[in-house]
PDB file of N, CA and C in Angstrom:
ATOM      1  N   MET A   1      37.897  19.136  -0.974  1.00  0.00           N
ATOM      2  CA  MET A   1      37.051  18.921   0.343  1.00  0.00           C
ATOM      3  C   MET A   1      37.882  18.428   1.470  1.00  0.00           C
ATOM      4  N   THR A   2      37.508  18.762   2.603  1.00  0.00           N
ATOM      5  CA  THR A   2      38.398  17.802   3.615  1.00  0.00           C
ATOM      6  C   THR A   2      36.593  18.064   4.622  1.00  0.00           C
ATOM      7  N   CYS A   3      37.253  16.845   5.771  1.00  0.00           N
ATOM      8  CA  CYS A   3      36.141  16.665   6.657  1.00  0.00           C
ATOM      9  C   CYS A   3      36.882  16.069   7.980  1.00  0.00           C
ATOM     10  N   VAL A   4      36.978  16.548   8.875  1.00  0.00           N
ATOM     11  CA  VAL A   4      36.954  16.078  10.298  1.00  0.00           C
ATOM     12  C   VAL A   4      35.630  15.351  10.833  1.00  0.00           C
ATOM     13  N   PHE A   5      36.455  14.216  11.430  1.00  0.00           N
ATOM     14  CA  PHE A   5      35.165  13.664  12.151  1.00  0.00           C
ATOM     15  C   PHE A   5      35.975  13.435  13.519  1.00  0.00           C
ATOM     16  N   ALA A   6      35.651  14.059  14.628  1.00  0.00           N
ATOM     17  CA  ALA A   6      36.578  13.957  15.758  1.00  0.00           C
ATOM     18  C   ALA A   6      35.485  13.754  16.714  1.00  0.00           C
ATOM     19  N   GLY A   7      35.412  12.682  17.782  1.00  0.00           N
ATOM     20  CA  GLY A   7      35.220  11.605  18.279  1.00  0.00           C
ATOM     21  C   GLY A   7      35.359  11.758  19.625  1.00  0.00           C
ATOM     22  N   PRO A   8      34.598  11.667  20.575  1.00  0.00           N
ATOM     23  CA  PRO A   8      34.804  11.981  22.002  1.00  0.00           C
ATOM     24  C   PRO A   8      36.309  12.392  22.538  1.00  0.00           C
ATOM     25  N   SER A   9      37.034  10.741  21.955  1.00  0.00           N
ATOM     26  CA  SER A   9      38.262  10.964  22.603  1.00  0.00           C
ATOM     27  C   SER A   9      39.767  11.274  21.245  1.00  0.00           C
ATOM     28  N   GLU A  10      39.107  10.613  20.093  1.00  0.00           N
ATOM     29  CA  GLU A  10      40.039  11.125  18.958  1.00  0.00           C
ATOM     30  C   GLU A  10      39.459  11.181  17.879  1.00  0.00           C
ATOM     31  N   ASP A  11      40.223  11.764  16.676  1.00  0.00           N
ATOM     32  CA  ASP A  11      39.316  11.751  15.626  1.00  0.00           C
ATOM     33  C   ASP A  11      39.280  10.259  15.012  1.00  0.00           C
ATOM     34  N   ILE A  12      38.200  10.253  14.128  1.00  0.00           N
ATOM     35  CA  ILE A  12      38.096   9.104  13.343  1.00  0.00           C
ATOM     36  C   ILE A  12      38.974   9.655  11.699  1.00  0.00           C
ATOM     37  N   PRO A  13      39.710   8.253  11.018  1.00  0.00           N
ATOM     38  CA  PRO A  13      39.977   8.409   9.713  1.00  0.00           C
ATOM     39  C   PRO A  13      38.296   8.754   8.887  1.00  0.00           C
ATOM     40  N   VAL A  14      38.758   9.693   7.694  1.00  0.00           N
ATOM     41  CA  VAL A  14      37.428  10.025   7.333  1.00  0.00           C
ATOM     42  C   VAL A  14      38.226   9.306   5.863  1.00  0.00           C
ATOM     43  N   LYS A  15      37.281   9.293   4.616  1.00  0.00           N
ATOM     44  CA  LYS A  15      37.474   9.027   3.459  1.00  0.00           C
ATOM     45  C   LYS A  15      36.614   9.970   2.437  1.00  0.00           C
ATOM     46  N   VAL A  16      37.329  10.629   1.988  1.00  0.00           N
ATOM     47  CA  VAL A  16      36.434  11.446   1.222  1.00  0.00           C
ATOM     48  C   VAL A  16      36.303  11.625  -0.581  1.00  0.00           C
ATOM     49  N   SER A  17      35.387  11.533  -1.001  1.00  0.00           N
ATOM     50  CA  SER A  17      35.142  11.266  -2.489  1.00  0.00           C
ATOM     51  C   SER A  17      34.558  12.396  -3.361  1.00  0.00           C
ATOM     52  N   GLY A  18      34.688  12.177  -4.634  1.00  0.00           N
ATOM     53  CA  GLY A  18      33.698  13.013  -5.661  1.00  0.00           C
ATOM     54  C   GLY A  18      33.902  14.233  -6.024  1.00  0.00           C
ATOM     55  N   ASN A  19      33.253  15.115  -6.255  1.00  0.00           N
ATOM     56  CA  ASN A  19      33.661  16.340  -6.903  1.00  0.00           C
ATOM     57  C   ASN A  19      32.360  17.672  -6.432  1.00  0.00           C
ATOM     58  N   VAL A  20      32.999  18.476  -7.394  1.00  0.00           N
ATOM     59  CA  VAL A  20      32.025  19.671  -6.911  1.00  0.00           C
ATOM     60  C   VAL A  20      30.356  19.845  -7.698  1.00  0.00           C
ATOM     61  N   LYS A  21      30.990  19.287  -9.007  1.00  0.00           N
ATOM     62  CA  LYS A  21      29.633  18.881 -10.137  1.00  0.00           C
ATOM     63  C   LYS A  21      28.438  17.990  -9.651  1.00  0.00           C
ATOM     64  N   ASN A  22      29.138  17.018  -8.778  1.00  0.00           N
ATOM     65  CA  ASN A  22      28.567  15.728  -8.604  1.00  0.00           C
ATOM     66  C   ASN A  22      28.346  15.270  -7.216  1.00  0.00           C
ATOM     67  N   GLY A  23      28.780  16.191  -6.290  1.00  0.00           N
ATOM     68  CA  GLY A  23      28.593  16.417  -5.012  1.00  0.00           C
ATOM     69  C   GLY A  23      29.904  15.469  -4.226  1.00  0.00           C
ATOM     70  N   PHE A  24      29.563  15.190  -2.893  1.00  0.00           N
ATOM     71  CA  PHE A  24      31.285  14.749  -2.174  1.00  0.00           C
ATOM     72  C   PHE A  24      30.315  13.686  -0.814  1.00  0.00           C
ATOM     73  N   GLU A  25      31.181  13.205  -1.016  1.00  0.00           N
ATOM     74  CA  GLU A  25      30.582  12.061  -0.083  1.00  0.00           C
ATOM     75  C   GLU A  25      32.005  11.577   1.073  1.00  0.00           C
ATOM     76  N   ALA A  26      31.303  11.898   2.371  1.00  0.00           N
ATOM     77  CA  ALA A  26      32.492  11.694   3.102  1.00  0.00           C
ATOM     78  C   ALA A  26      32.023  10.187   4.045  1.00  0.00           C
ATOM     79  N   GLU A  27      32.875   9.207   4.444  1.00  0.00           N
ATOM     80  CA  GLU A  27      33.041   8.072   4.560  1.00  0.00           C
ATOM     81  C   GLU A  27      33.866   7.816   5.715  1.00  0.00           C
ATOM     82  N   PHE A  28      32.987   7.560   7.005  1.00  0.00           N
ATOM     83  CA  PHE A  28      33.696   7.139   8.569  1.00  0.00           C
ATOM     84  C   PHE A  28      33.203   5.921   8.831  1.00  0.00           C
ATOM     85  N   VAL A  29      33.773   5.456   9.961  1.00  0.00           N
ATOM     86  CA  VAL A  29      33.418   4.600  10.635  1.00  0.00           C
ATOM     87  C   VAL A  29      33.826   4.837  12.445  1.00  0.00           C
ATOM     88  N   PRO A  30      32.394   5.255  12.958  1.00  0.00           N
ATOM     89  CA  PRO A  30      32.890   5.415  14.049  1.00  0.00           C
ATOM     90  C   PRO A  30      33.150   4.465  15.159  1.00  0.00           C
ATOM     91  N   SER A  31      34.015   4.749  16.441  1.00  0.00           N
ATOM     92  CA  SER A  31      34.420   3.502  17.019  1.00  0.00           C
ATOM     93  C   SER A  31      34.216   3.790  18.623  1.00  0.00           C
ATOM     94  N   GLU A  32      33.714   4.771  18.834  1.00  0.00           N
ATOM     95  CA  GLU A  32      32.905   5.213  19.921  1.00  0.00           C
ATOM     96  C   GLU A  32      31.675   5.654  20.581  1.00  0.00           C
ATOM     97  N   VAL A  33      31.218   5.273  21.321  1.00  0.00           N
ATOM     98  CA  VAL A  33      29.788   6.014  21.338  1.00  0.00           C
ATOM     99  C   VAL A  33      30.231   7.569  22.139  1.00  0.00           C
ATOM    100  N   GLY A  34      29.265   8.574  21.566  1.00  0.00           N
ATOM    101  CA  GLY A  34      28.616   9.452  22.506  1.00  0.00           C
ATOM    102  C   GLY A  34      28.983  10.687  21.135  1.00  0.00           C
ATOM    103  N   LEU A  35      29.334  12.084  21.097  1.00  0.00           N
ATOM    104  CA  LEU A  35      28.696  13.071  20.537  1.00  0.00           C
ATOM    105  C   LEU A  35      30.249  13.319  19.738  1.00  0.00           C
ATOM    106  N   HIS A  36      30.135  13.079  18.590  1.00  0.00           N
ATOM    107  CA  HIS A  36      31.133  13.348  17.835  1.00  0.00           C
ATOM    108  C   HIS A  36      30.917  15.163  17.258  1.00  0.00           C
ATOM    109  N   THR A  37      32.354  15.413  16.644  1.00  0.00           N
ATOM    110  CA  THR A  37      32.120  16.515  16.075  1.00  0.00           C
ATOM    111  C   THR A  37      32.350  16.421  14.794  1.00  0.00           C
ATOM    112  N   VAL A  38      31.255  17.444  13.328  1.00  0.00           N
ATOM    113  CA  VAL A  38      32.321  17.075  11.926  1.00  0.00           C
ATOM    114  C   VAL A  38      32.426  18.628  11.600  1.00  0.00           C
ATOM    115  N   LEU A  39      33.171  18.656  11.341  1.00  0.00           N
ATOM    116  CA  LEU A  39      33.813  20.031  10.427  1.00  0.00           C
ATOM    117  C   LEU A  39      33.974  19.519   9.183  1.00  0.00           C
ATOM    118  N   VAL A  40      33.372  20.639   7.884  1.00  0.00           N
ATOM    119  CA  VAL A  40      33.424  20.424   6.709  1.00  0.00           C
ATOM    120  C   VAL A  40      34.340  21.528   6.000  1.00  0.00           C
ATOM    121  N   GLU A  41      35.163  21.300   5.143  1.00  0.00           N
ATOM    122  CA  GLU A  41      35.843  22.637   4.493  1.00  0.00           C
ATOM    123  C   GLU A  41      36.234  22.227   3.230  1.00  0.00           C
ATOM    124  N   TYR A  42      36.192  23.517   2.490  1.00  0.00           N
ATOM    125  CA  TYR A  42      36.199  23.488   1.183  1.00  0.00           C
ATOM    126  C   TYR A  42      37.152  24.613   0.846  1.00  0.00           C
ATOM    127  N   ASN A  43      38.056  23.994   0.451  1.00  0.00           N
ATOM    128  CA  ASN A  43      39.665  25.351  -0.085  1.00  0.00           C
ATOM    129  C   ASN A  43      39.709  26.246   1.182  1.00  0.00           C
ATOM    130  N   GLY A  44      39.709  25.404   2.389  1.00  0.00           N
ATOM    131  CA  GLY A  44      40.064  26.396   3.754  1.00  0.00           C
ATOM    132  C   GLY A  44      38.872  26.743   4.644  1.00  0.00           C
ATOM    133  N   VAL A  45      37.944  27.102   3.850  1.00  0.00           N
ATOM    134  CA  VAL A  45      36.877  27.767   4.317  1.00  0.00           C
ATOM    135  C   VAL A  45      35.932  26.825   4.695  1.00  0.00           C
ATOM    136  N   ALA A  46      34.952  27.042   6.396  1.00  0.00           N
ATOM    137  CA  ALA A  46      34.131  25.733   6.687  1.00  0.00           C
ATOM    138  C   ALA A  46      32.670  26.296   5.913  1.00  0.00           C
ATOM    139  N   VAL A  47      32.236  24.995   5.563  1.00  0.00           N
ATOM    140  CA  VAL A  47      31.100  24.914   4.520  1.00  0.00           C
ATOM    141  C   VAL A  47      29.977  25.173   5.363  1.00  0.00           C
ATOM    142  N   GLY A  48      28.928  25.902   5.186  1.00  0.00           N
ATOM    143  CA  GLY A  48      27.907  26.682   5.759  1.00  0.00           C
ATOM    144  C   GLY A  48      27.617  25.521   7.057  1.00  0.00           C
ATOM    145  N   GLY A  49      27.029  25.455   8.067  1.00  0.00           N
ATOM    146  CA  GLY A  49      26.549  24.738   8.955  1.00  0.00           C
ATOM    147  C   GLY A  49      27.528  23.948   9.527  1.00  0.00           C
ATOM    148  N   THR A  50      28.380  24.335   9.583  1.00  0.00           N
ATOM    149  CA  THR A  50      29.410  23.382  10.091  1.00  0.00           C
ATOM    150  C   THR A  50      30.165  23.764  10.945  1.00  0.00           C
ATOM    151  N   PRO A  51      30.957  23.786  11.845  1.00  0.00           N
ATOM    152  CA  PRO A  51      30.656  22.194  12.405  1.00  0.00           C
ATOM    153  C   PRO A  51      29.294  22.562  12.856  1.00  0.00           C
ATOM    154  N   PHE A  52      28.978  20.668  12.873  1.00  0.00           N
ATOM    155  CA  PHE A  52      27.457  20.572  13.477  1.00  0.00           C
ATOM    156  C   PHE A  52      28.336  19.065  14.183  1.00  0.00           C
ATOM    157  N   PHE A  53      27.195  18.531  14.786  1.00  0.00           N
ATOM    158  CA  PHE A  53      27.249  17.611  15.913  1.00  0.00           C
ATOM    159  C   PHE A  53      26.686  15.922  15.547  1.00  0.00           C
ATOM    160  N   ALA A  54      27.091  14.911  15.949  1.00  0.00           N
ATOM    161  CA  ALA A  54      26.368  13.711  15.716  1.00  0.00           C
ATOM    162  C   ALA A  54      26.772  12.797  16.569  1.00  0.00           C
ATOM    163  N   LYS A  55      25.364  12.386  17.521  1.00  0.00           N
ATOM    164  CA  LYS A  55      25.392  11.405  18.099  1.00  0.00           C
ATOM    165  C   LYS A  55      25.215  10.088  18.050  1.00  0.00           C
ATOM    166  N   VAL A  56      26.701   9.271  18.422  1.00  0.00           N
ATOM    167  CA  VAL A  56      26.906   7.946  18.010  1.00  0.00           C
ATOM    168  C   VAL A  56      25.895   7.075  19.008  1.00  0.00           C
ATOM    169  N   PRO A  57      25.140   6.454  18.781  1.00  0.00           N
ATOM    170  CA  PRO A  57      24.684   5.338  20.340  1.00  0.00           C
ATOM    171  C   PRO A  57      25.211   4.229  19.899  1.00  0.00           C
ATOM    172  N   THR A  58      24.891   3.373  21.334  1.00  0.00           N
ATOM    173  CA  THR A  58      25.615   2.128  21.647  1.00  0.00           C
ATOM    174  C   THR A  58      24.710   0.969  19.730  1.00  0.00           C
ATOM    175  N   ASN A  59      23.739   1.087  19.288  1.00  0.00           N
ATOM    176  CA  ASN A  59      23.409  -0.251  18.869  1.00  0.00           C
ATOM    177  C   ASN A  59      24.255   0.434  17.143  1.00  0.00           C
ATOM    178  N   ASP A  60      24.908   1.622  17.021  1.00  0.00           N
ATOM    179  CA  ASP A  60      25.035   1.841  15.281  1.00  0.00           C
ATOM    180  C   ASP A  60      26.885   1.671  15.423  1.00  0.00           C
ATOM    181  N   LEU A  61      27.620   1.057  16.224  1.00  0.00           N
ATOM    182  CA  LEU A  61      28.739   0.668  16.110  1.00  0.00           C
ATOM    183  C   LEU A  61      28.637  -1.024  16.104  1.00  0.00           C
ATOM    184  N   ASP A  62      27.193  -1.565  15.497  1.00  0.00           N
ATOM    185  CA  ASP A  62      26.974  -3.000  15.246  1.00  0.00           C
ATOM    186  C   ASP A  62      27.325  -2.617  13.694  1.00  0.00           C
ATOM    187  N   TYR A  63      26.805  -1.680  13.079  1.00  0.00           N
ATOM    188  CA  TYR A  63      26.776  -1.724  11.859  1.00  0.00           C
ATOM    189  C   TYR A  63      28.516  -1.760  11.156  1.00  0.00           C
ATOM    190  N   ASN A  64      28.996  -1.920  10.124  1.00  0.00           N
ATOM    191  CA  ASN A  64      29.919  -2.199   9.259  1.00  0.00           C
ATOM    192  C   ASN A  64      30.803  -0.597   9.199  1.00  0.00           C
ATOM    193  N   ARG A  65      29.932  -0.113   8.488  1.00  0.00           N
ATOM    194  CA  ARG A  65      30.228   1.352   7.974  1.00  0.00           C
ATOM    195  C   ARG A  65      29.007   2.259   8.439  1.00  0.00           C
ATOM    196  N   THR A  66      29.125   3.316   8.342  1.00  0.00           N
ATOM    197  CA  THR A  66      28.501   5.018   8.446  1.00  0.00           C
ATOM    198  C   THR A  66      28.656   5.651   7.395  1.00  0.00           C
ATOM    199  N   LYS A  67      27.802   6.374   6.736  1.00  0.00           N
ATOM    200  CA  LYS A  67      28.147   6.722   5.664  1.00  0.00           C
ATOM    201  C   LYS A  67      27.504   8.311   5.626  1.00  0.00           C
ATOM    202  N   SER A  68      28.034   9.436   5.426  1.00  0.00           N
ATOM    203  CA  SER A  68      26.936  10.486   5.014  1.00  0.00           C
ATOM    204  C   SER A  68      27.451  11.298   3.996  1.00  0.00           C
ATOM    205  N   ARG A  69      26.386  11.642   3.426  1.00  0.00           N
ATOM    206  CA  ARG A  69      26.703  12.334   1.913  1.00  0.00           C
ATOM    207  C   ARG A  69      26.984  14.005   1.987  1.00  0.00           C
ATOM    208  N   PHE A  70      27.547  14.779   1.705  1.00  0.00           N
ATOM    209  CA  PHE A  70      27.481  16.281   1.371  1.00  0.00           C
ATOM    210  C   PHE A  70      27.713  16.494   0.182  1.00  0.00           C
ATOM    211  N   CYS A  71      25.987  17.061  -0.444  1.00  0.00           N
ATOM    212  CA  CYS A  71      25.965  17.610  -2.085  1.00  0.00           C
ATOM    213  C   CYS A  71      26.131  19.360  -2.050  1.00  0.00           C
ATOM    214  N   ASN A  72      26.136  19.315  -3.533  1.00  0.00           N
ATOM    215  CA  ASN A  72      26.330  20.886  -3.895  1.00  0.00           C
ATOM    216  C   ASN A  72      27.185  21.735  -3.007  1.00  0.00           C
ATOM    217  N   ILE A  73      28.232  21.238  -2.616  1.00  0.00           N
ATOM    218  CA  ILE A  73      29.139  21.976  -2.176  1.00  0.00           C
ATOM    219  C   ILE A  73      30.241  22.920  -2.948  1.00  0.00           C
TER     220      ILE A  73
END
């Protein structure tokens, strides 16, 4: 599985872990406020529902880490 978390001005590194049986987790730390695009692919094919959009408000940058979990892919 691959995950791209594209910020308003640059891509953000994403750490992907897990497996098909237990689900995947994509971990990232947003570095700027604004609308981000999230694209998830499995074996080179976009996962249903992606890309989707996530808005990072100002107060979310105060957290050390933001996690998203993608299960049952």
